[in-house]
């Protein structure tokens, strides 16, 4: 469960660090 959660955190963080995040309200 922790391993899967950490993967999701990494994916979310990558999204938040990307340019598309700036277009989100």
PDBML (XML) file of the C-alpha atoms, coordinates in Angstrom:
<?xml version="1.0" encoding="UTF-8" ?>
<PDBx:datablock datablockName="MODEL"
   xmlns:PDBx="http://pdbml.pdb.org/schema/pdbx-v50.xsd"
   xmlns:xsi="http://www.w3.org/2001/XMLSchema-instance"
   xsi:schemaLocation="http://pdbml.pdb.org/schema/pdbx-v50.xsd pdbx-v50.xsd">
   <PDBx:atom_siteCategory>
      <PDBx:atom_site id="1">
         <PDBx:B_iso_or_equiv>0.00</PDBx:B_iso_or_equiv>
         <PDBx:Cartn_x>0.000</PDBx:Cartn_x>
         <PDBx:Cartn_y>0.000</PDBx:Cartn_y>
         <PDBx:Cartn_z>0.000</PDBx:Cartn_z>
         <PDBx:auth_asym_id>A</PDBx:auth_asym_id>
         <PDBx:auth_atom_id>CA</PDBx:auth_atom_id>
         <PDBx:auth_comp_id>UNK</PDBx:auth_comp_id>
         <PDBx:auth_seq_id>1</PDBx:auth_seq_id>
         <PDBx:group_PDB>ATOM</PDBx:group_PDB>
         <PDBx:label_alt_id xsi:nil="true" />
         <PDBx:label_asym_id>A</PDBx:label_asym_id>
         <PDBx:label_atom_id>CA</PDBx:label_atom_id>
         <PDBx:label_comp_id>UNK</PDBx:label_comp_id>
         <PDBx:label_entity_id>1</PDBx:label_entity_id>
         <PDBx:label_seq_id>1</PDBx:label_seq_id>
         <PDBx:occupancy>1.00</PDBx:occupancy>
         <PDBx:pdbx_PDB_model_num>1</PDBx:pdbx_PDB_model_num>
         <PDBx:type_symbol>C</PDBx:type_symbol>
      </PDBx:atom_site>
      <PDBx:atom_site id="2">
         <PDBx:B_iso_or_equiv>0.00</PDBx:B_iso_or_equiv>
         <PDBx:Cartn_x>2.824</PDBx:Cartn_x>
         <PDBx:Cartn_y>2.420</PDBx:Cartn_y>
         <PDBx:Cartn_z>0.868</PDBx:Cartn_z>
         <PDBx:auth_asym_id>A</PDBx:auth_asym_id>
         <PDBx:auth_atom_id>CA</PDBx:auth_atom_id>
         <PDBx:auth_comp_id>UNK</PDBx:auth_comp_id>
         <PDBx:auth_seq_id>2</PDBx:auth_seq_id>
         <PDBx:group_PDB>ATOM</PDBx:group_PDB>
         <PDBx:label_alt_id xsi:nil="true" />
         <PDBx:label_asym_id>A</PDBx:label_asym_id>
         <PDBx:label_atom_id>CA</PDBx:label_atom_id>
         <PDBx:label_comp_id>UNK</PDBx:label_comp_id>
         <PDBx:label_entity_id>1</PDBx:label_entity_id>
         <PDBx:label_seq_id>2</PDBx:label_seq_id>
         <PDBx:occupancy>1.00</PDBx:occupancy>
         <PDBx:pdbx_PDB_model_num>1</PDBx:pdbx_PDB_model_num>
         <PDBx:type_symbol>C</PDBx:type_symbol>
      </PDBx:atom_site>
      <PDBx:atom_site id="3">
         <PDBx:B_iso_or_equiv>0.00</PDBx:B_iso_or_equiv>
         <PDBx:Cartn_x>4.700</PDBx:Cartn_x>
         <PDBx:Cartn_y>1.577</PDBx:Cartn_y>
         <PDBx:Cartn_z>-2.326</PDBx:Cartn_z>
         <PDBx:auth_asym_id>A</PDBx:auth_asym_id>
         <PDBx:auth_atom_id>CA</PDBx:auth_atom_id>
         <PDBx:auth_comp_id>UNK</PDBx:auth_comp_id>
         <PDBx:auth_seq_id>3</PDBx:auth_seq_id>
         <PDBx:group_PDB>ATOM</PDBx:group_PDB>
         <PDBx:label_alt_id xsi:nil="true" />
         <PDBx:label_asym_id>A</PDBx:label_asym_id>
         <PDBx:label_atom_id>CA</PDBx:label_atom_id>
         <PDBx:label_comp_id>UNK</PDBx:label_comp_id>
         <PDBx:label_entity_id>1</PDBx:label_entity_id>
         <PDBx:label_seq_id>3</PDBx:label_seq_id>
         <PDBx:occupancy>1.00</PDBx:occupancy>
         <PDBx:pdbx_PDB_model_num>1</PDBx:pdbx_PDB_model_num>
         <PDBx:type_symbol>C</PDBx:type_symbol>
      </PDBx:atom_site>
      <PDBx:atom_site id="4">
         <PDBx:B_iso_or_equiv>0.00</PDBx:B_iso_or_equiv>
         <PDBx:Cartn_x>1.585</PDBx:Cartn_x>
         <PDBx:Cartn_y>2.243</PDBx:Cartn_y>
         <PDBx:Cartn_z>-4.443</PDBx:Cartn_z>
         <PDBx:auth_asym_id>A</PDBx:auth_asym_id>
         <PDBx:auth_atom_id>CA</PDBx:auth_atom_id>
         <PDBx:auth_comp_id>UNK</PDBx:auth_comp_id>
         <PDBx:auth_seq_id>4</PDBx:auth_seq_id>
         <PDBx:group_PDB>ATOM</PDBx:group_PDB>
         <PDBx:label_alt_id xsi:nil="true" />
         <PDBx:label_asym_id>A</PDBx:label_asym_id>
         <PDBx:label_atom_id>CA</PDBx:label_atom_id>
         <PDBx:label_comp_id>UNK</PDBx:label_comp_id>
         <PDBx:label_entity_id>1</PDBx:label_entity_id>
         <PDBx:label_seq_id>4</PDBx:label_seq_id>
         <PDBx:occupancy>1.00</PDBx:occupancy>
         <PDBx:pdbx_PDB_model_num>1</PDBx:pdbx_PDB_model_num>
         <PDBx:type_symbol>C</PDBx:type_symbol>
      </PDBx:atom_site>
      <PDBx:atom_site id="5">
         <PDBx:B_iso_or_equiv>0.00</PDBx:B_iso_or_equiv>
         <PDBx:Cartn_x>0.790</PDBx:Cartn_x>
         <PDBx:Cartn_y>5.432</PDBx:Cartn_y>
         <PDBx:Cartn_z>-2.545</PDBx:Cartn_z>
         <PDBx:auth_asym_id>A</PDBx:auth_asym_id>
         <PDBx:auth_atom_id>CA</PDBx:auth_atom_id>
         <PDBx:auth_comp_id>UNK</PDBx:auth_comp_id>
         <PDBx:auth_seq_id>5</PDBx:auth_seq_id>
         <PDBx:group_PDB>ATOM</PDBx:group_PDB>
         <PDBx:label_alt_id xsi:nil="true" />
         <PDBx:label_asym_id>A</PDBx:label_asym_id>
         <PDBx:label_atom_id>CA</PDBx:label_atom_id>
         <PDBx:label_comp_id>UNK</PDBx:label_comp_id>
         <PDBx:label_entity_id>1</PDBx:label_entity_id>
         <PDBx:label_seq_id>5</PDBx:label_seq_id>
         <PDBx:occupancy>1.00</PDBx:occupancy>
         <PDBx:pdbx_PDB_model_num>1</PDBx:pdbx_PDB_model_num>
         <PDBx:type_symbol>C</PDBx:type_symbol>
      </PDBx:atom_site>
      <PDBx:atom_site id="6">
         <PDBx:B_iso_or_equiv>0.00</PDBx:B_iso_or_equiv>
         <PDBx:Cartn_x>4.333</PDBx:Cartn_x>
         <PDBx:Cartn_y>6.722</PDBx:Cartn_y>
         <PDBx:Cartn_z>-2.980</PDBx:Cartn_z>
         <PDBx:auth_asym_id>A</PDBx:auth_asym_id>
         <PDBx:auth_atom_id>CA</PDBx:auth_atom_id>
         <PDBx:auth_comp_id>UNK</PDBx:auth_comp_id>
         <PDBx:auth_seq_id>6</PDBx:auth_seq_id>
         <PDBx:group_PDB>ATOM</PDBx:group_PDB>
         <PDBx:label_alt_id xsi:nil="true" />
         <PDBx:label_asym_id>A</PDBx:label_asym_id>
         <PDBx:label_atom_id>CA</PDBx:label_atom_id>
         <PDBx:label_comp_id>UNK</PDBx:label_comp_id>
         <PDBx:label_entity_id>1</PDBx:label_entity_id>
         <PDBx:label_seq_id>6</PDBx:label_seq_id>
         <PDBx:occupancy>1.00</PDBx:occupancy>
         <PDBx:pdbx_PDB_model_num>1</PDBx:pdbx_PDB_model_num>
         <PDBx:type_symbol>C</PDBx:type_symbol>
      </PDBx:atom_site>
      <PDBx:atom_site id="7">
         <PDBx:B_iso_or_equiv>0.00</PDBx:B_iso_or_equiv>
         <PDBx:Cartn_x>4.064</PDBx:Cartn_x>
         <PDBx:Cartn_y>6.132</PDBx:Cartn_y>
         <PDBx:Cartn_z>-6.743</PDBx:Cartn_z>
         <PDBx:auth_asym_id>A</PDBx:auth_asym_id>
         <PDBx:auth_atom_id>CA</PDBx:auth_atom_id>
         <PDBx:auth_comp_id>UNK</PDBx:auth_comp_id>
         <PDBx:auth_seq_id>7</PDBx:auth_seq_id>
         <PDBx:group_PDB>ATOM</PDBx:group_PDB>
         <PDBx:label_alt_id xsi:nil="true" />
         <PDBx:label_asym_id>A</PDBx:label_asym_id>
         <PDBx:label_atom_id>CA</PDBx:label_atom_id>
         <PDBx:label_comp_id>UNK</PDBx:label_comp_id>
         <PDBx:label_entity_id>1</PDBx:label_entity_id>
         <PDBx:label_seq_id>7</PDBx:label_seq_id>
         <PDBx:occupancy>1.00</PDBx:occupancy>
         <PDBx:pdbx_PDB_model_num>1</PDBx:pdbx_PDB_model_num>
         <PDBx:type_symbol>C</PDBx:type_symbol>
      </PDBx:atom_site>
      <PDBx:atom_site id="8">
         <PDBx:B_iso_or_equiv>0.00</PDBx:B_iso_or_equiv>
         <PDBx:Cartn_x>0.863</PDBx:Cartn_x>
         <PDBx:Cartn_y>8.188</PDBx:Cartn_y>
         <PDBx:Cartn_z>-6.785</PDBx:Cartn_z>
         <PDBx:auth_asym_id>A</PDBx:auth_asym_id>
         <PDBx:auth_atom_id>CA</PDBx:auth_atom_id>
         <PDBx:auth_comp_id>UNK</PDBx:auth_comp_id>
         <PDBx:auth_seq_id>8</PDBx:auth_seq_id>
         <PDBx:group_PDB>ATOM</PDBx:group_PDB>
         <PDBx:label_alt_id xsi:nil="true" />
         <PDBx:label_asym_id>A</PDBx:label_asym_id>
         <PDBx:label_atom_id>CA</PDBx:label_atom_id>
         <PDBx:label_comp_id>UNK</PDBx:label_comp_id>
         <PDBx:label_entity_id>1</PDBx:label_entity_id>
         <PDBx:label_seq_id>8</PDBx:label_seq_id>
         <PDBx:occupancy>1.00</PDBx:occupancy>
         <PDBx:pdbx_PDB_model_num>1</PDBx:pdbx_PDB_model_num>
         <PDBx:type_symbol>C</PDBx:type_symbol>
      </PDBx:atom_site>
      <PDBx:atom_site id="9">
         <PDBx:B_iso_or_equiv>0.00</PDBx:B_iso_or_equiv>
         <PDBx:Cartn_x>2.559</PDBx:Cartn_x>
         <PDBx:Cartn_y>10.953</PDBx:Cartn_y>
         <PDBx:Cartn_z>-4.803</PDBx:Cartn_z>
         <PDBx:auth_asym_id>A</PDBx:auth_asym_id>
         <PDBx:auth_atom_id>CA</PDBx:auth_atom_id>
         <PDBx:auth_comp_id>UNK</PDBx:auth_comp_id>
         <PDBx:auth_seq_id>9</PDBx:auth_seq_id>
         <PDBx:group_PDB>ATOM</PDBx:group_PDB>
         <PDBx:label_alt_id xsi:nil="true" />
         <PDBx:label_asym_id>A</PDBx:label_asym_id>
         <PDBx:label_atom_id>CA</PDBx:label_atom_id>
         <PDBx:label_comp_id>UNK</PDBx:label_comp_id>
         <PDBx:label_entity_id>1</PDBx:label_entity_id>
         <PDBx:label_seq_id>9</PDBx:label_seq_id>
         <PDBx:occupancy>1.00</PDBx:occupancy>
         <PDBx:pdbx_PDB_model_num>1</PDBx:pdbx_PDB_model_num>
         <PDBx:type_symbol>C</PDBx:type_symbol>
      </PDBx:atom_site>
      <PDBx:atom_site id="10">
         <PDBx:B_iso_or_equiv>0.00</PDBx:B_iso_or_equiv>
         <PDBx:Cartn_x>5.420</PDBx:Cartn_x>
         <PDBx:Cartn_y>10.992</PDBx:Cartn_y>
         <PDBx:Cartn_z>-7.318</PDBx:Cartn_z>
         <PDBx:auth_asym_id>A</PDBx:auth_asym_id>
         <PDBx:auth_atom_id>CA</PDBx:auth_atom_id>
         <PDBx:auth_comp_id>UNK</PDBx:auth_comp_id>
         <PDBx:auth_seq_id>10</PDBx:auth_seq_id>
         <PDBx:group_PDB>ATOM</PDBx:group_PDB>
         <PDBx:label_alt_id xsi:nil="true" />
         <PDBx:label_asym_id>A</PDBx:label_asym_id>
         <PDBx:label_atom_id>CA</PDBx:label_atom_id>
         <PDBx:label_comp_id>UNK</PDBx:label_comp_id>
         <PDBx:label_entity_id>1</PDBx:label_entity_id>
         <PDBx:label_seq_id>10</PDBx:label_seq_id>
         <PDBx:occupancy>1.00</PDBx:occupancy>
         <PDBx:pdbx_PDB_model_num>1</PDBx:pdbx_PDB_model_num>
         <PDBx:type_symbol>C</PDBx:type_symbol>
      </PDBx:atom_site>
      <PDBx:atom_site id="11">
         <PDBx:B_iso_or_equiv>0.00</PDBx:B_iso_or_equiv>
         <PDBx:Cartn_x>2.973</PDBx:Cartn_x>
         <PDBx:Cartn_y>11.172</PDBx:Cartn_y>
         <PDBx:Cartn_z>-10.241</PDBx:Cartn_z>
         <PDBx:auth_asym_id>A</PDBx:auth_asym_id>
         <PDBx:auth_atom_id>CA</PDBx:auth_atom_id>
         <PDBx:auth_comp_id>UNK</PDBx:auth_comp_id>
         <PDBx:auth_seq_id>11</PDBx:auth_seq_id>
         <PDBx:group_PDB>ATOM</PDBx:group_PDB>
         <PDBx:label_alt_id xsi:nil="true" />
         <PDBx:label_asym_id>A</PDBx:label_asym_id>
         <PDBx:label_atom_id>CA</PDBx:label_atom_id>
         <PDBx:label_comp_id>UNK</PDBx:label_comp_id>
         <PDBx:label_entity_id>1</PDBx:label_entity_id>
         <PDBx:label_seq_id>11</PDBx:label_seq_id>
         <PDBx:occupancy>1.00</PDBx:occupancy>
         <PDBx:pdbx_PDB_model_num>1</PDBx:pdbx_PDB_model_num>
         <PDBx:type_symbol>C</PDBx:type_symbol>
      </PDBx:atom_site>
      <PDBx:atom_site id="12">
         <PDBx:B_iso_or_equiv>0.00</PDBx:B_iso_or_equiv>
         <PDBx:Cartn_x>0.971</PDBx:Cartn_x>
         <PDBx:Cartn_y>13.967</PDBx:Cartn_y>
         <PDBx:Cartn_z>-8.628</PDBx:Cartn_z>
         <PDBx:auth_asym_id>A</PDBx:auth_asym_id>
         <PDBx:auth_atom_id>CA</PDBx:auth_atom_id>
         <PDBx:auth_comp_id>UNK</PDBx:auth_comp_id>
         <PDBx:auth_seq_id>12</PDBx:auth_seq_id>
         <PDBx:group_PDB>ATOM</PDBx:group_PDB>
         <PDBx:label_alt_id xsi:nil="true" />
         <PDBx:label_asym_id>A</PDBx:label_asym_id>
         <PDBx:label_atom_id>CA</PDBx:label_atom_id>
         <PDBx:label_comp_id>UNK</PDBx:label_comp_id>
         <PDBx:label_entity_id>1</PDBx:label_entity_id>
         <PDBx:label_seq_id>12</PDBx:label_seq_id>
         <PDBx:occupancy>1.00</PDBx:occupancy>
         <PDBx:pdbx_PDB_model_num>1</PDBx:pdbx_PDB_model_num>
         <PDBx:type_symbol>C</PDBx:type_symbol>
      </PDBx:atom_site>
      <PDBx:atom_site id="13">
         <PDBx:B_iso_or_equiv>0.00</PDBx:B_iso_or_equiv>
         <PDBx:Cartn_x>4.144</PDBx:Cartn_x>
         <PDBx:Cartn_y>15.885</PDBx:Cartn_y>
         <PDBx:Cartn_z>-7.809</PDBx:Cartn_z>
         <PDBx:auth_asym_id>A</PDBx:auth_asym_id>
         <PDBx:auth_atom_id>CA</PDBx:auth_atom_id>
         <PDBx:auth_comp_id>UNK</PDBx:auth_comp_id>
         <PDBx:auth_seq_id>13</PDBx:auth_seq_id>
         <PDBx:group_PDB>ATOM</PDBx:group_PDB>
         <PDBx:label_alt_id xsi:nil="true" />
         <PDBx:label_asym_id>A</PDBx:label_asym_id>
         <PDBx:label_atom_id>CA</PDBx:label_atom_id>
         <PDBx:label_comp_id>UNK</PDBx:label_comp_id>
         <PDBx:label_entity_id>1</PDBx:label_entity_id>
         <PDBx:label_seq_id>13</PDBx:label_seq_id>
         <PDBx:occupancy>1.00</PDBx:occupancy>
         <PDBx:pdbx_PDB_model_num>1</PDBx:pdbx_PDB_model_num>
         <PDBx:type_symbol>C</PDBx:type_symbol>
      </PDBx:atom_site>
      <PDBx:atom_site id="14">
         <PDBx:B_iso_or_equiv>0.00</PDBx:B_iso_or_equiv>
         <PDBx:Cartn_x>5.371</PDBx:Cartn_x>
         <PDBx:Cartn_y>15.521</PDBx:Cartn_y>
         <PDBx:Cartn_z>-11.392</PDBx:Cartn_z>
         <PDBx:auth_asym_id>A</PDBx:auth_asym_id>
         <PDBx:auth_atom_id>CA</PDBx:auth_atom_id>
         <PDBx:auth_comp_id>UNK</PDBx:auth_comp_id>
         <PDBx:auth_seq_id>14</PDBx:auth_seq_id>
         <PDBx:group_PDB>ATOM</PDBx:group_PDB>
         <PDBx:label_alt_id xsi:nil="true" />
         <PDBx:label_asym_id>A</PDBx:label_asym_id>
         <PDBx:label_atom_id>CA</PDBx:label_atom_id>
         <PDBx:label_comp_id>UNK</PDBx:label_comp_id>
         <PDBx:label_entity_id>1</PDBx:label_entity_id>
         <PDBx:label_seq_id>14</PDBx:label_seq_id>
         <PDBx:occupancy>1.00</PDBx:occupancy>
         <PDBx:pdbx_PDB_model_num>1</PDBx:pdbx_PDB_model_num>
         <PDBx:type_symbol>C</PDBx:type_symbol>
      </PDBx:atom_site>
      <PDBx:atom_site id="15">
         <PDBx:B_iso_or_equiv>0.00</PDBx:B_iso_or_equiv>
         <PDBx:Cartn_x>2.050</PDBx:Cartn_x>
         <PDBx:Cartn_y>16.870</PDBx:Cartn_y>
         <PDBx:Cartn_z>-12.643</PDBx:Cartn_z>
         <PDBx:auth_asym_id>A</PDBx:auth_asym_id>
         <PDBx:auth_atom_id>CA</PDBx:auth_atom_id>
         <PDBx:auth_comp_id>UNK</PDBx:auth_comp_id>
         <PDBx:auth_seq_id>15</PDBx:auth_seq_id>
         <PDBx:group_PDB>ATOM</PDBx:group_PDB>
         <PDBx:label_alt_id xsi:nil="true" />
         <PDBx:label_asym_id>A</PDBx:label_asym_id>
         <PDBx:label_atom_id>CA</PDBx:label_atom_id>
         <PDBx:label_comp_id>UNK</PDBx:label_comp_id>
         <PDBx:label_entity_id>1</PDBx:label_entity_id>
         <PDBx:label_seq_id>15</PDBx:label_seq_id>
         <PDBx:occupancy>1.00</PDBx:occupancy>
         <PDBx:pdbx_PDB_model_num>1</PDBx:pdbx_PDB_model_num>
         <PDBx:type_symbol>C</PDBx:type_symbol>
      </PDBx:atom_site>
      <PDBx:atom_site id="16">
         <PDBx:B_iso_or_equiv>0.00</PDBx:B_iso_or_equiv>
         <PDBx:Cartn_x>2.200</PDBx:Cartn_x>
         <PDBx:Cartn_y>19.768</PDBx:Cartn_y>
         <PDBx:Cartn_z>-10.211</PDBx:Cartn_z>
         <PDBx:auth_asym_id>A</PDBx:auth_asym_id>
         <PDBx:auth_atom_id>CA</PDBx:auth_atom_id>
         <PDBx:auth_comp_id>UNK</PDBx:auth_comp_id>
         <PDBx:auth_seq_id>16</PDBx:auth_seq_id>
         <PDBx:group_PDB>ATOM</PDBx:group_PDB>
         <PDBx:label_alt_id xsi:nil="true" />
         <PDBx:label_asym_id>A</PDBx:label_asym_id>
         <PDBx:label_atom_id>CA</PDBx:label_atom_id>
         <PDBx:label_comp_id>UNK</PDBx:label_comp_id>
         <PDBx:label_entity_id>1</PDBx:label_entity_id>
         <PDBx:label_seq_id>16</PDBx:label_seq_id>
         <PDBx:occupancy>1.00</PDBx:occupancy>
         <PDBx:pdbx_PDB_model_num>1</PDBx:pdbx_PDB_model_num>
         <PDBx:type_symbol>C</PDBx:type_symbol>
      </PDBx:atom_site>
      <PDBx:atom_site id="17">
         <PDBx:B_iso_or_equiv>0.00</PDBx:B_iso_or_equiv>
         <PDBx:Cartn_x>5.743</PDBx:Cartn_x>
         <PDBx:Cartn_y>20.604</PDBx:Cartn_y>
         <PDBx:Cartn_z>-11.332</PDBx:Cartn_z>
         <PDBx:auth_asym_id>A</PDBx:auth_asym_id>
         <PDBx:auth_atom_id>CA</PDBx:auth_atom_id>
         <PDBx:auth_comp_id>UNK</PDBx:auth_comp_id>
         <PDBx:auth_seq_id>17</PDBx:auth_seq_id>
         <PDBx:group_PDB>ATOM</PDBx:group_PDB>
         <PDBx:label_alt_id xsi:nil="true" />
         <PDBx:label_asym_id>A</PDBx:label_asym_id>
         <PDBx:label_atom_id>CA</PDBx:label_atom_id>
         <PDBx:label_comp_id>UNK</PDBx:label_comp_id>
         <PDBx:label_entity_id>1</PDBx:label_entity_id>
         <PDBx:label_seq_id>17</PDBx:label_seq_id>
         <PDBx:occupancy>1.00</PDBx:occupancy>
         <PDBx:pdbx_PDB_model_num>1</PDBx:pdbx_PDB_model_num>
         <PDBx:type_symbol>C</PDBx:type_symbol>
      </PDBx:atom_site>
      <PDBx:atom_site id="18">
         <PDBx:B_iso_or_equiv>0.00</PDBx:B_iso_or_equiv>
         <PDBx:Cartn_x>4.698</PDBx:Cartn_x>
         <PDBx:Cartn_y>20.633</PDBx:Cartn_y>
         <PDBx:Cartn_z>-14.999</PDBx:Cartn_z>
         <PDBx:auth_asym_id>A</PDBx:auth_asym_id>
         <PDBx:auth_atom_id>CA</PDBx:auth_atom_id>
         <PDBx:auth_comp_id>UNK</PDBx:auth_comp_id>
         <PDBx:auth_seq_id>18</PDBx:auth_seq_id>
         <PDBx:group_PDB>ATOM</PDBx:group_PDB>
         <PDBx:label_alt_id xsi:nil="true" />
         <PDBx:label_asym_id>A</PDBx:label_asym_id>
         <PDBx:label_atom_id>CA</PDBx:label_atom_id>
         <PDBx:label_comp_id>UNK</PDBx:label_comp_id>
         <PDBx:label_entity_id>1</PDBx:label_entity_id>
         <PDBx:label_seq_id>18</PDBx:label_seq_id>
         <PDBx:occupancy>1.00</PDBx:occupancy>
         <PDBx:pdbx_PDB_model_num>1</PDBx:pdbx_PDB_model_num>
         <PDBx:type_symbol>C</PDBx:type_symbol>
      </PDBx:atom_site>
      <PDBx:atom_site id="19">
         <PDBx:B_iso_or_equiv>0.00</PDBx:B_iso_or_equiv>
         <PDBx:Cartn_x>3.466</PDBx:Cartn_x>
         <PDBx:Cartn_y>23.450</PDBx:Cartn_y>
         <PDBx:Cartn_z>-17.183</PDBx:Cartn_z>
         <PDBx:auth_asym_id>A</PDBx:auth_asym_id>
         <PDBx:auth_atom_id>CA</PDBx:auth_atom_id>
         <PDBx:auth_comp_id>UNK</PDBx:auth_comp_id>
         <PDBx:auth_seq_id>19</PDBx:auth_seq_id>
         <PDBx:group_PDB>ATOM</PDBx:group_PDB>
         <PDBx:label_alt_id xsi:nil="true" />
         <PDBx:label_asym_id>A</PDBx:label_asym_id>
         <PDBx:label_atom_id>CA</PDBx:label_atom_id>
         <PDBx:label_comp_id>UNK</PDBx:label_comp_id>
         <PDBx:label_entity_id>1</PDBx:label_entity_id>
         <PDBx:label_seq_id>19</PDBx:label_seq_id>
         <PDBx:occupancy>1.00</PDBx:occupancy>
         <PDBx:pdbx_PDB_model_num>1</PDBx:pdbx_PDB_model_num>
         <PDBx:type_symbol>C</PDBx:type_symbol>
      </PDBx:atom_site>
      <PDBx:atom_site id="20">
         <PDBx:B_iso_or_equiv>0.00</PDBx:B_iso_or_equiv>
         <PDBx:Cartn_x>-0.076</PDBx:Cartn_x>
         <PDBx:Cartn_y>22.088</PDBx:Cartn_y>
         <PDBx:Cartn_z>-17.431</PDBx:Cartn_z>
         <PDBx:auth_asym_id>A</PDBx:auth_asym_id>
         <PDBx:auth_atom_id>CA</PDBx:auth_atom_id>
         <PDBx:auth_comp_id>UNK</PDBx:auth_comp_id>
         <PDBx:auth_seq_id>20</PDBx:auth_seq_id>
         <PDBx:group_PDB>ATOM</PDBx:group_PDB>
         <PDBx:label_alt_id xsi:nil="true" />
         <PDBx:label_asym_id>A</PDBx:label_asym_id>
         <PDBx:label_atom_id>CA</PDBx:label_atom_id>
         <PDBx:label_comp_id>UNK</PDBx:label_comp_id>
         <PDBx:label_entity_id>1</PDBx:label_entity_id>
         <PDBx:label_seq_id>20</PDBx:label_seq_id>
         <PDBx:occupancy>1.00</PDBx:occupancy>
         <PDBx:pdbx_PDB_model_num>1</PDBx:pdbx_PDB_model_num>
         <PDBx:type_symbol>C</PDBx:type_symbol>
      </PDBx:atom_site>
      <PDBx:atom_site id="21">
         <PDBx:B_iso_or_equiv>0.00</PDBx:B_iso_or_equiv>
         <PDBx:Cartn_x>-0.570</PDBx:Cartn_x>
         <PDBx:Cartn_y>22.621</PDBx:Cartn_y>
         <PDBx:Cartn_z>-13.696</PDBx:Cartn_z>
         <PDBx:auth_asym_id>A</PDBx:auth_asym_id>
         <PDBx:auth_atom_id>CA</PDBx:auth_atom_id>
         <PDBx:auth_comp_id>UNK</PDBx:auth_comp_id>
         <PDBx:auth_seq_id>21</PDBx:auth_seq_id>
         <PDBx:group_PDB>ATOM</PDBx:group_PDB>
         <PDBx:label_alt_id xsi:nil="true" />
         <PDBx:label_asym_id>A</PDBx:label_asym_id>
         <PDBx:label_atom_id>CA</PDBx:label_atom_id>
         <PDBx:label_comp_id>UNK</PDBx:label_comp_id>
         <PDBx:label_entity_id>1</PDBx:label_entity_id>
         <PDBx:label_seq_id>21</PDBx:label_seq_id>
         <PDBx:occupancy>1.00</PDBx:occupancy>
         <PDBx:pdbx_PDB_model_num>1</PDBx:pdbx_PDB_model_num>
         <PDBx:type_symbol>C</PDBx:type_symbol>
      </PDBx:atom_site>
      <PDBx:atom_site id="22">
         <PDBx:B_iso_or_equiv>0.00</PDBx:B_iso_or_equiv>
         <PDBx:Cartn_x>-0.377</PDBx:Cartn_x>
         <PDBx:Cartn_y>26.372</PDBx:Cartn_y>
         <PDBx:Cartn_z>-14.250</PDBx:Cartn_z>
         <PDBx:auth_asym_id>A</PDBx:auth_asym_id>
         <PDBx:auth_atom_id>CA</PDBx:auth_atom_id>
         <PDBx:auth_comp_id>UNK</PDBx:auth_comp_id>
         <PDBx:auth_seq_id>22</PDBx:auth_seq_id>
         <PDBx:group_PDB>ATOM</PDBx:group_PDB>
         <PDBx:label_alt_id xsi:nil="true" />
         <PDBx:label_asym_id>A</PDBx:label_asym_id>
         <PDBx:label_atom_id>CA</PDBx:label_atom_id>
         <PDBx:label_comp_id>UNK</PDBx:label_comp_id>
         <PDBx:label_entity_id>1</PDBx:label_entity_id>
         <PDBx:label_seq_id>22</PDBx:label_seq_id>
         <PDBx:occupancy>1.00</PDBx:occupancy>
         <PDBx:pdbx_PDB_model_num>1</PDBx:pdbx_PDB_model_num>
         <PDBx:type_symbol>C</PDBx:type_symbol>
      </PDBx:atom_site>
      <PDBx:atom_site id="23">
         <PDBx:B_iso_or_equiv>0.00</PDBx:B_iso_or_equiv>
         <PDBx:Cartn_x>-3.451</PDBx:Cartn_x>
         <PDBx:Cartn_y>26.151</PDBx:Cartn_y>
         <PDBx:Cartn_z>-16.503</PDBx:Cartn_z>
         <PDBx:auth_asym_id>A</PDBx:auth_asym_id>
         <PDBx:auth_atom_id>CA</PDBx:auth_atom_id>
         <PDBx:auth_comp_id>UNK</PDBx:auth_comp_id>
         <PDBx:auth_seq_id>23</PDBx:auth_seq_id>
         <PDBx:group_PDB>ATOM</PDBx:group_PDB>
         <PDBx:label_alt_id xsi:nil="true" />
         <PDBx:label_asym_id>A</PDBx:label_asym_id>
         <PDBx:label_atom_id>CA</PDBx:label_atom_id>
         <PDBx:label_comp_id>UNK</PDBx:label_comp_id>
         <PDBx:label_entity_id>1</PDBx:label_entity_id>
         <PDBx:label_seq_id>23</PDBx:label_seq_id>
         <PDBx:occupancy>1.00</PDBx:occupancy>
         <PDBx:pdbx_PDB_model_num>1</PDBx:pdbx_PDB_model_num>
         <PDBx:type_symbol>C</PDBx:type_symbol>
      </PDBx:atom_site>
      <PDBx:atom_site id="24">
         <PDBx:B_iso_or_equiv>0.00</PDBx:B_iso_or_equiv>
         <PDBx:Cartn_x>-5.535</PDBx:Cartn_x>
         <PDBx:Cartn_y>24.513</PDBx:Cartn_y>
         <PDBx:Cartn_z>-13.774</PDBx:Cartn_z>
         <PDBx:auth_asym_id>A</PDBx:auth_asym_id>
         <PDBx:auth_atom_id>CA</PDBx:auth_atom_id>
         <PDBx:auth_comp_id>UNK</PDBx:auth_comp_id>
         <PDBx:auth_seq_id>24</PDBx:auth_seq_id>
         <PDBx:group_PDB>ATOM</PDBx:group_PDB>
         <PDBx:label_alt_id xsi:nil="true" />
         <PDBx:label_asym_id>A</PDBx:label_asym_id>
         <PDBx:label_atom_id>CA</PDBx:label_atom_id>
         <PDBx:label_comp_id>UNK</PDBx:label_comp_id>
         <PDBx:label_entity_id>1</PDBx:label_entity_id>
         <PDBx:label_seq_id>24</PDBx:label_seq_id>
         <PDBx:occupancy>1.00</PDBx:occupancy>
         <PDBx:pdbx_PDB_model_num>1</PDBx:pdbx_PDB_model_num>
         <PDBx:type_symbol>C</PDBx:type_symbol>
      </PDBx:atom_site>
      <PDBx:atom_site id="25">
         <PDBx:B_iso_or_equiv>0.00</PDBx:B_iso_or_equiv>
         <PDBx:Cartn_x>-7.872</PDBx:Cartn_x>
         <PDBx:Cartn_y>26.895</PDBx:Cartn_y>
         <PDBx:Cartn_z>-11.908</PDBx:Cartn_z>
         <PDBx:auth_asym_id>A</PDBx:auth_asym_id>
         <PDBx:auth_atom_id>CA</PDBx:auth_atom_id>
         <PDBx:auth_comp_id>UNK</PDBx:auth_comp_id>
         <PDBx:auth_seq_id>25</PDBx:auth_seq_id>
         <PDBx:group_PDB>ATOM</PDBx:group_PDB>
         <PDBx:label_alt_id xsi:nil="true" />
         <PDBx:label_asym_id>A</PDBx:label_asym_id>
         <PDBx:label_atom_id>CA</PDBx:label_atom_id>
         <PDBx:label_comp_id>UNK</PDBx:label_comp_id>
         <PDBx:label_entity_id>1</PDBx:label_entity_id>
         <PDBx:label_seq_id>25</PDBx:label_seq_id>
         <PDBx:occupancy>1.00</PDBx:occupancy>
         <PDBx:pdbx_PDB_model_num>1</PDBx:pdbx_PDB_model_num>
         <PDBx:type_symbol>C</PDBx:type_symbol>
      </PDBx:atom_site>
   </PDBx:atom_siteCategory>
</PDBx:datablock>
